[in-house]
Amino acid sequence: MITAKDIKKVCCYGAGMIGSSWAASFAMAGYPVVLLDIGEKQLNDGMARIKAQLQALKEHDCLKEDAEVILSRIST
């Protein structure tokens, strides 16, 4: 049986609304994340969406750590 302790890295296919939200959620939970999509534009848009999500969470004091630390866990 696989448990959360067994997960070493998360891959999110698709950098749209759902994929970028999952990527941000996993990164906030401390996992390294790879975000994949069909092109550079989609990845750039996804990362911009994640940055905006983290900024909104920061403004409402909902982050346990710095947004830059969370972003550093996400690669494309």
PDB file of N, CA and C in Angstrom:
ATOM      1  N   MET A   1       0.838  -1.178   0.000  1.00  0.00           N
ATOM      2  CA  MET A   1       0.000   0.000   0.000  1.00  0.00           C
ATOM      3  C   MET A   1       0.886   1.247   0.000  1.00  0.00           C
ATOM      4  N   ILE A   2       0.573   2.187  -0.864  1.00  0.00           N
ATOM      5  CA  ILE A   2       1.313   3.443  -0.954  1.00  0.00           C
ATOM      6  C   ILE A   2       0.680   4.439   0.008  1.00  0.00           C
ATOM      7  N   THR A   3       1.538   5.123   0.756  1.00  0.00           N
ATOM      8  CA  THR A   3       1.072   6.172   1.663  1.00  0.00           C
ATOM      9  C   THR A   3       1.670   7.506   1.236  1.00  0.00           C
ATOM     10  N   ALA A   4       1.222   8.582   1.843  1.00  0.00           N
ATOM     11  CA  ALA A   4       1.741   9.914   1.517  1.00  0.00           C
ATOM     12  C   ALA A   4       3.243   9.997   1.763  1.00  0.00           C
ATOM     13  N   LYS A   5       3.762   9.239   2.712  1.00  0.00           N
ATOM     14  CA  LYS A   5       5.203   9.254   2.993  1.00  0.00           C
ATOM     15  C   LYS A   5       6.005   8.671   1.843  1.00  0.00           C
ATOM     16  N   ASP A   6       5.374   7.853   1.002  1.00  0.00           N
ATOM     17  CA  ASP A   6       6.061   7.225  -0.123  1.00  0.00           C
ATOM     18  C   ASP A   6       6.193   8.148  -1.340  1.00  0.00           C
ATOM     19  N   ILE A   7       5.439   9.220  -1.380  1.00  0.00           N
ATOM     20  CA  ILE A   7       5.449  10.129  -2.530  1.00  0.00           C
ATOM     21  C   ILE A   7       6.684  11.018  -2.460  1.00  0.00           C
ATOM     22  N   LYS A   8       7.481  10.983  -3.532  1.00  0.00           N
ATOM     23  CA  LYS A   8       8.720  11.769  -3.586  1.00  0.00           C
ATOM     24  C   LYS A   8       8.575  13.025  -4.443  1.00  0.00           C
ATOM     25  N   LYS A   9       7.757  12.952  -5.489  1.00  0.00           N
ATOM     26  CA  LYS A   9       7.545  14.071  -6.413  1.00  0.00           C
ATOM     27  C   LYS A   9       6.179  13.903  -7.056  1.00  0.00           C
ATOM     28  N   VAL A  10       5.532  15.029  -7.352  1.00  0.00           N
ATOM     29  CA  VAL A  10       4.213  15.020  -7.971  1.00  0.00           C
ATOM     30  C   VAL A  10       4.327  15.625  -9.363  1.00  0.00           C
ATOM     31  N   CYS A  11       3.628  15.038 -10.322  1.00  0.00           N
ATOM     32  CA  CYS A  11       3.571  15.570 -11.675  1.00  0.00           C
ATOM     33  C   CYS A  11       2.123  15.946 -11.978  1.00  0.00           C
ATOM     34  N   CYS A  12       1.911  17.180 -12.410  1.00  0.00           N
ATOM     35  CA  CYS A  12       0.586  17.635 -12.806  1.00  0.00           C
ATOM     36  C   CYS A  12       0.584  17.856 -14.312  1.00  0.00           C
ATOM     37  N   TYR A  13      -0.245  17.084 -15.009  1.00  0.00           N
ATOM     38  CA  TYR A  13      -0.379  17.226 -16.460  1.00  0.00           C
ATOM     39  C   TYR A  13      -1.477  18.231 -16.745  1.00  0.00           C
ATOM     40  N   GLY A  14      -1.084  19.337 -17.350  1.00  0.00           N
ATOM     41  CA  GLY A  14      -2.029  20.399 -17.660  1.00  0.00           C
ATOM     42  C   GLY A  14      -1.861  21.559 -16.713  1.00  0.00           C
ATOM     43  N   ALA A  15      -1.582  22.735 -17.269  1.00  0.00           N
ATOM     44  CA  ALA A  15      -1.325  23.924 -16.458  1.00  0.00           C
ATOM     45  C   ALA A  15      -2.508  24.883 -16.460  1.00  0.00           C
ATOM     46  N   GLY A  16      -3.690  24.374 -16.798  1.00  0.00           N
ATOM     47  CA  GLY A  16      -4.885  25.213 -16.771  1.00  0.00           C
ATOM     48  C   GLY A  16      -5.336  25.477 -15.342  1.00  0.00           C
ATOM     49  N   MET A  17      -6.575  25.867 -15.194  1.00  0.00           N
ATOM     50  CA  MET A  17      -7.111  26.223 -13.872  1.00  0.00           C
ATOM     51  C   MET A  17      -6.960  25.077 -12.872  1.00  0.00           C
ATOM     52  N   ILE A  18      -7.346  23.884 -13.270  1.00  0.00           N
ATOM     53  CA  ILE A  18      -7.311  22.756 -12.344  1.00  0.00           C
ATOM     54  C   ILE A  18      -5.881  22.291 -12.088  1.00  0.00           C
ATOM     55  N   GLY A  19      -5.103  22.103 -13.157  1.00  0.00           N
ATOM     56  CA  GLY A  19      -3.734  21.622 -12.998  1.00  0.00           C
ATOM     57  C   GLY A  19      -2.864  22.566 -12.185  1.00  0.00           C
ATOM     58  N   SER A  20      -2.994  23.867 -12.432  1.00  0.00           N
ATOM     59  CA  SER A  20      -2.190  24.827 -11.672  1.00  0.00           C
ATOM     60  C   SER A  20      -2.630  24.877 -10.206  1.00  0.00           C
ATOM     61  N   SER A  21      -3.916  24.697  -9.960  1.00  0.00           N
ATOM     62  CA  SER A  21      -4.401  24.672  -8.576  1.00  0.00           C
ATOM     63  C   SER A  21      -3.883  23.436  -7.840  1.00  0.00           C
ATOM     64  N   TRP A  22      -3.902  22.275  -8.518  1.00  0.00           N
ATOM     65  CA  TRP A  22      -3.340  21.062  -7.913  1.00  0.00           C
ATOM     66  C   TRP A  22      -1.848  21.248  -7.646  1.00  0.00           C
ATOM     67  N   ALA A  23      -1.131  21.816  -8.605  1.00  0.00           N
ATOM     68  CA  ALA A  23       0.310  22.025  -8.431  1.00  0.00           C
ATOM     69  C   ALA A  23       0.583  22.911  -7.216  1.00  0.00           C
ATOM     70  N   ALA A  24      -0.171  23.990  -7.086  1.00  0.00           N
ATOM     71  CA  ALA A  24      -0.003  24.882  -5.935  1.00  0.00           C
ATOM     72  C   ALA A  24      -0.326  24.153  -4.634  1.00  0.00           C
ATOM     73  N   SER A  25      -1.381  23.366  -4.635  1.00  0.00           N
ATOM     74  CA  SER A  25      -1.769  22.637  -3.426  1.00  0.00           C
ATOM     75  C   SER A  25      -0.702  21.643  -2.987  1.00  0.00           C
ATOM     76  N   PHE A  26      -0.169  20.879  -3.950  1.00  0.00           N
ATOM     77  CA  PHE A  26       0.886  19.926  -3.606  1.00  0.00           C
ATOM     78  C   PHE A  26       2.151  20.648  -3.139  1.00  0.00           C
ATOM     79  N   ALA A  27       2.499  21.750  -3.794  1.00  0.00           N
ATOM     80  CA  ALA A  27       3.686  22.507  -3.383  1.00  0.00           C
ATOM     81  C   ALA A  27       3.504  23.086  -1.981  1.00  0.00           C
ATOM     82  N   MET A  28       2.297  23.551  -1.663  1.00  0.00           N
ATOM     83  CA  MET A  28       2.034  24.071  -0.318  1.00  0.00           C
ATOM     84  C   MET A  28       2.137  22.965   0.726  1.00  0.00           C
ATOM     85  N   ALA A  29       1.874  21.733   0.303  1.00  0.00           N
ATOM     86  CA  ALA A  29       1.977  20.595   1.219  1.00  0.00           C
ATOM     87  C   ALA A  29       3.418  20.110   1.358  1.00  0.00           C
ATOM     88  N   GLY A  30       4.348  20.726   0.615  1.00  0.00           N
ATOM     89  CA  GLY A  30       5.756  20.402   0.759  1.00  0.00           C
ATOM     90  C   GLY A  30       6.336  19.489  -0.309  1.00  0.00           C
ATOM     91  N   TYR A  31       5.534  19.112  -1.295  1.00  0.00           N
ATOM     92  CA  TYR A  31       6.014  18.206  -2.339  1.00  0.00           C
ATOM     93  C   TYR A  31       6.680  18.974  -3.480  1.00  0.00           C
ATOM     94  N   PRO A  32       7.765  18.435  -4.043  1.00  0.00           N
ATOM     95  CA  PRO A  32       8.278  18.981  -5.293  1.00  0.00           C
ATOM     96  C   PRO A  32       7.290  18.628  -6.406  1.00  0.00           C
ATOM     97  N   VAL A  33       7.028  19.576  -7.296  1.00  0.00           N
ATOM     98  CA  VAL A  33       6.013  19.393  -8.330  1.00  0.00           C
ATOM     99  C   VAL A  33       6.607  19.715  -9.700  1.00  0.00           C
ATOM    100  N   VAL A  34       6.275  18.892 -10.684  1.00  0.00           N
ATOM    101  CA  VAL A  34       6.587  19.190 -12.074  1.00  0.00           C
ATOM    102  C   VAL A  34       5.257  19.464 -12.770  1.00  0.00           C
ATOM    103  N   LEU A  35       5.163  20.628 -13.392  1.00  0.00           N
ATOM    104  CA  LEU A  35       3.956  21.027 -14.112  1.00  0.00           C
ATOM    105  C   LEU A  35       4.227  20.871 -15.607  1.00  0.00           C
ATOM    106  N   LEU A  36       3.397  20.089 -16.282  1.00  0.00           N
ATOM    107  CA  LEU A  36       3.582  19.820 -17.710  1.00  0.00           C
ATOM    108  C   LEU A  36       2.381  20.303 -18.517  1.00  0.00           C
ATOM    109  N   ASP A  37       2.655  20.758 -19.735  1.00  0.00           N
ATOM    110  CA  ASP A  37       1.591  21.106 -20.677  1.00  0.00           C
ATOM    111  C   ASP A  37       2.185  21.069 -22.080  1.00  0.00           C
ATOM    112  N   ILE A  38       1.367  21.380 -23.076  1.00  0.00           N
ATOM    113  CA  ILE A  38       1.796  21.213 -24.464  1.00  0.00           C
ATOM    114  C   ILE A  38       2.739  22.301 -24.960  1.00  0.00           C
ATOM    115  N   GLY A  39       2.807  23.417 -24.274  1.00  0.00           N
ATOM    116  CA  GLY A  39       3.659  24.499 -24.762  1.00  0.00           C
ATOM    117  C   GLY A  39       4.080  25.473 -23.683  1.00  0.00           C
ATOM    118  N   GLU A  40       5.028  26.309 -24.047  1.00  0.00           N
ATOM    119  CA  GLU A  40       5.598  27.298 -23.130  1.00  0.00           C
ATOM    120  C   GLU A  40       4.546  28.314 -22.681  1.00  0.00           C
ATOM    121  N   LYS A  41       3.667  28.729 -23.595  1.00  0.00           N
ATOM    122  CA  LYS A  41       2.626  29.699 -23.228  1.00  0.00           C
ATOM    123  C   LYS A  41       1.724  29.147 -22.135  1.00  0.00           C
ATOM    124  N   GLN A  42       1.301  27.903 -22.274  1.00  0.00           N
ATOM    125  CA  GLN A  42       0.434  27.286 -21.275  1.00  0.00           C
ATOM    126  C   GLN A  42       1.145  27.195 -19.925  1.00  0.00           C
ATOM    127  N   LEU A  43       2.424  26.849 -19.960  1.00  0.00           N
ATOM    128  CA  LEU A  43       3.194  26.753 -18.709  1.00  0.00           C
ATOM    129  C   LEU A  43       3.377  28.123 -18.063  1.00  0.00           C
ATOM    130  N   ASN A  44       3.691  29.127 -18.881  1.00  0.00           N
ATOM    131  CA  ASN A  44       3.842  30.485 -18.346  1.00  0.00           C
ATOM    132  C   ASN A  44       2.533  30.989 -17.754  1.00  0.00           C
ATOM    133  N   ASP A  45       1.424  30.731 -18.453  1.00  0.00           N
ATOM    134  CA  ASP A  45       0.108  31.136 -17.934  1.00  0.00           C
ATOM    135  C   ASP A  45      -0.204  30.400 -16.625  1.00  0.00           C
ATOM    136  N   GLY A  46       0.126  29.114 -16.572  1.00  0.00           N
ATOM    137  CA  GLY A  46      -0.104  28.322 -15.359  1.00  0.00           C
ATOM    138  C   GLY A  46       0.692  28.843 -14.174  1.00  0.00           C
ATOM    139  N   MET A  47       1.959  29.158 -14.421  1.00  0.00           N
ATOM    140  CA  MET A  47       2.790  29.681 -13.333  1.00  0.00           C
ATOM    141  C   MET A  47       2.293  31.055 -12.883  1.00  0.00           C
ATOM    142  N   ALA A  48       1.840  31.876 -13.824  1.00  0.00           N
ATOM    143  CA  ALA A  48       1.273  33.184 -13.458  1.00  0.00           C
ATOM    144  C   ALA A  48       0.025  32.989 -12.601  1.00  0.00           C
ATOM    145  N   ARG A  49      -0.785  31.996 -12.952  1.00  0.00           N
ATOM    146  CA  ARG A  49      -1.990  31.694 -12.180  1.00  0.00           C
ATOM    147  C   ARG A  49      -1.615  31.256 -10.762  1.00  0.00           C
ATOM    148  N   ILE A  50      -0.602  30.422 -10.655  1.00  0.00           N
ATOM    149  CA  ILE A  50      -0.155  29.953  -9.338  1.00  0.00           C
ATOM    150  C   ILE A  50       0.347  31.131  -8.504  1.00  0.00           C
ATOM    151  N   LYS A  51       1.127  32.005  -9.104  1.00  0.00           N
ATOM    152  CA  LYS A  51       1.633  33.184  -8.372  1.00  0.00           C
ATOM    153  C   LYS A  51       0.475  34.041  -7.865  1.00  0.00           C
ATOM    154  N   ALA A  52      -0.538  34.226  -8.704  1.00  0.00           N
ATOM    155  CA  ALA A  52      -1.709  35.019  -8.306  1.00  0.00           C
ATOM    156  C   ALA A  52      -2.464  34.330  -7.170  1.00  0.00           C
ATOM    157  N   GLN A  53      -2.595  33.007  -7.248  1.00  0.00           N
ATOM    158  CA  GLN A  53      -3.273  32.259  -6.183  1.00  0.00           C
ATOM    159  C   GLN A  53      -2.519  32.421  -4.859  1.00  0.00           C
ATOM    160  N   LEU A  54      -1.207  32.270  -4.922  1.00  0.00           N
ATOM    161  CA  LEU A  54      -0.409  32.388  -3.702  1.00  0.00           C
ATOM    162  C   LEU A  54      -0.470  33.803  -3.135  1.00  0.00           C
ATOM    163  N   GLN A  55      -0.478  34.807  -4.010  1.00  0.00           N
ATOM    164  CA  GLN A  55      -0.579  36.192  -3.550  1.00  0.00           C
ATOM    165  C   GLN A  55      -1.906  36.420  -2.829  1.00  0.00           C
ATOM    166  N   ALA A  56      -2.993  35.885  -3.394  1.00  0.00           N
ATOM    167  CA  ALA A  56      -4.314  36.025  -2.758  1.00  0.00           C
ATOM    168  C   ALA A  56      -4.333  35.333  -1.399  1.00  0.00           C
ATOM    169  N   LEU A  57      -3.743  34.158  -1.326  1.00  0.00           N
ATOM    170  CA  LEU A  57      -3.689  33.443  -0.046  1.00  0.00           C
ATOM    171  C   LEU A  57      -2.837  34.203   0.968  1.00  0.00           C
ATOM    172  N   LYS A  58      -1.741  34.799   0.506  1.00  0.00           N
ATOM    173  CA  LYS A  58      -0.873  35.588   1.391  1.00  0.00           C
ATOM    174  C   LYS A  58      -1.626  36.792   1.952  1.00  0.00           C
ATOM    175  N   GLU A  59      -2.387  37.466   1.085  1.00  0.00           N
ATOM    176  CA  GLU A  59      -3.144  38.644   1.507  1.00  0.00           C
ATOM    177  C   GLU A  59      -4.185  38.304   2.573  1.00  0.00           C
ATOM    178  N   HIS A  60      -4.655  37.067   2.579  1.00  0.00           N
ATOM    179  CA  HIS A  60      -5.641  36.632   3.572  1.00  0.00           C
ATOM    180  C   HIS A  60      -4.983  35.836   4.709  1.00  0.00           C
ATOM    181  N   ASP A  61      -3.658  35.920   4.777  1.00  0.00           N
ATOM    182  CA  ASP A  61      -2.887  35.259   5.840  1.00  0.00           C
ATOM    183  C   ASP A  61      -3.176  33.750   5.908  1.00  0.00           C
ATOM    184  N   CYS A  62      -3.203  33.115   4.731  1.00  0.00           N
ATOM    185  CA  CYS A  62      -3.532  31.692   4.649  1.00  0.00           C
ATOM    186  C   CYS A  62      -2.344  30.815   4.267  1.00  0.00           C
ATOM    187  N   LEU A  63      -1.139  31.385   4.232  1.00  0.00           N
ATOM    188  CA  LEU A  63       0.042  30.592   3.896  1.00  0.00           C
ATOM    189  C   LEU A  63       0.851  30.302   5.147  1.00  0.00           C
ATOM    190  N   LYS A  64       1.332  29.071   5.244  1.00  0.00           N
ATOM    191  CA  LYS A  64       2.159  28.680   6.376  1.00  0.00           C
ATOM    192  C   LYS A  64       3.615  29.066   6.187  1.00  0.00           C
ATOM    193  N   GLU A  65       4.005  29.344   4.928  1.00  0.00           N
ATOM    194  CA  GLU A  65       5.377  29.729   4.629  1.00  0.00           C
ATOM    195  C   GLU A  65       5.382  30.727   3.479  1.00  0.00           C
ATOM    196  N   ASP A  66       6.535  31.288   3.184  1.00  0.00           N
ATOM    197  CA  ASP A  66       6.681  32.305   2.162  1.00  0.00           C
ATOM    198  C   ASP A  66       6.295  31.768   0.785  1.00  0.00           C
ATOM    199  N   ALA A  67       5.621  32.590   0.007  1.00  0.00           N
ATOM    200  CA  ALA A  67       5.175  32.186  -1.328  1.00  0.00           C
ATOM    201  C   ALA A  67       6.354  31.797  -2.220  1.00  0.00           C
ATOM    202  N   GLU A  68       7.485  32.458  -2.081  1.00  0.00           N
ATOM    203  CA  GLU A  68       8.661  32.141  -2.897  1.00  0.00           C
ATOM    204  C   GLU A  68       9.192  30.738  -2.592  1.00  0.00           C
ATOM    205  N   VAL A  69       9.102  30.321  -1.353  1.00  0.00           N
ATOM    206  CA  VAL A  69       9.520  28.967  -0.979  1.00  0.00           C
ATOM    207  C   VAL A  69       8.599  27.947  -1.645  1.00  0.00           C
ATOM    208  N   ILE A  70       7.325  28.237  -1.627  1.00  0.00           N
ATOM    209  CA  ILE A  70       6.350  27.339  -2.262  1.00  0.00           C
ATOM    210  C   ILE A  70       6.608  27.278  -3.765  1.00  0.00           C
ATOM    211  N   LEU A  71       6.785  28.449  -4.387  1.00  0.00           N
ATOM    212  CA  LEU A  71       7.050  28.489  -5.827  1.00  0.00           C
ATOM    213  C   LEU A  71       8.330  27.748  -6.203  1.00  0.00           C
ATOM    214  N   SER A  72       9.316  27.768  -5.322  1.00  0.00           N
ATOM    215  CA  SER A  72      10.576  27.096  -5.627  1.00  0.00           C
ATOM    216  C   SER A  72      10.421  25.582  -5.747  1.00  0.00           C
ATOM    217  N   ARG A  73       9.328  25.049  -5.257  1.00  0.00           N
ATOM    218  CA  ARG A  73       9.073  23.603  -5.347  1.00  0.00           C
ATOM    219  C   ARG A  73       8.456  23.209  -6.692  1.00  0.00           C
ATOM    220  N   ILE A  74       8.054  24.199  -7.492  1.00  0.00           N
ATOM    221  CA  ILE A  74       7.362  23.908  -8.746  1.00  0.00           C
ATOM    222  C   ILE A  74       8.310  24.168  -9.919  1.00  0.00           C
ATOM    223  N   SER A  75       8.472  23.139 -10.747  1.00  0.00           N
ATOM    224  CA  SER A  75       9.252  23.295 -11.983  1.00  0.00           C
ATOM    225  C   SER A  75       8.360  22.959 -13.161  1.00  0.00           C
ATOM    226  N   THR A  76       8.782  23.425 -14.336  1.00  0.00           N
ATOM    227  CA  THR A  76       8.001  23.159 -15.550  1.00  0.00           C
ATOM    228  C   THR A  76       8.845  22.376 -16.536  1.00  0.00           C
TER     229      THR A  76
END
